């Protein structure tokens, strides 16, 4: 999992679920907004939303540079690009 210095996550809860503002501190700093619905939260293992977001970004960063990660997306979008995401994220 990326270190705290490398990845900063701020979670905001709303009626539909959560949004996460993620900053990745690589040589090129990138910022991302991820929406997590309550259904996605349950589908991908529940638990602490911040941990789910960090694990999801660790998954993404193992496959692509931070500059290739979408700037704004729903959590389930990851599965569209990486079909193994659901299996991998619930296994961790």
Foldseek 3Di string as FASTA:
>chain_A
DDDCVQKPWDWDADPQGIKIWMWGDDVDIAIAIEAEGPVNCVLLAHDDPVVLVVVLVVVVVVPDPPVPDDRYYYSCVVCVVPVCNSVVRNVD
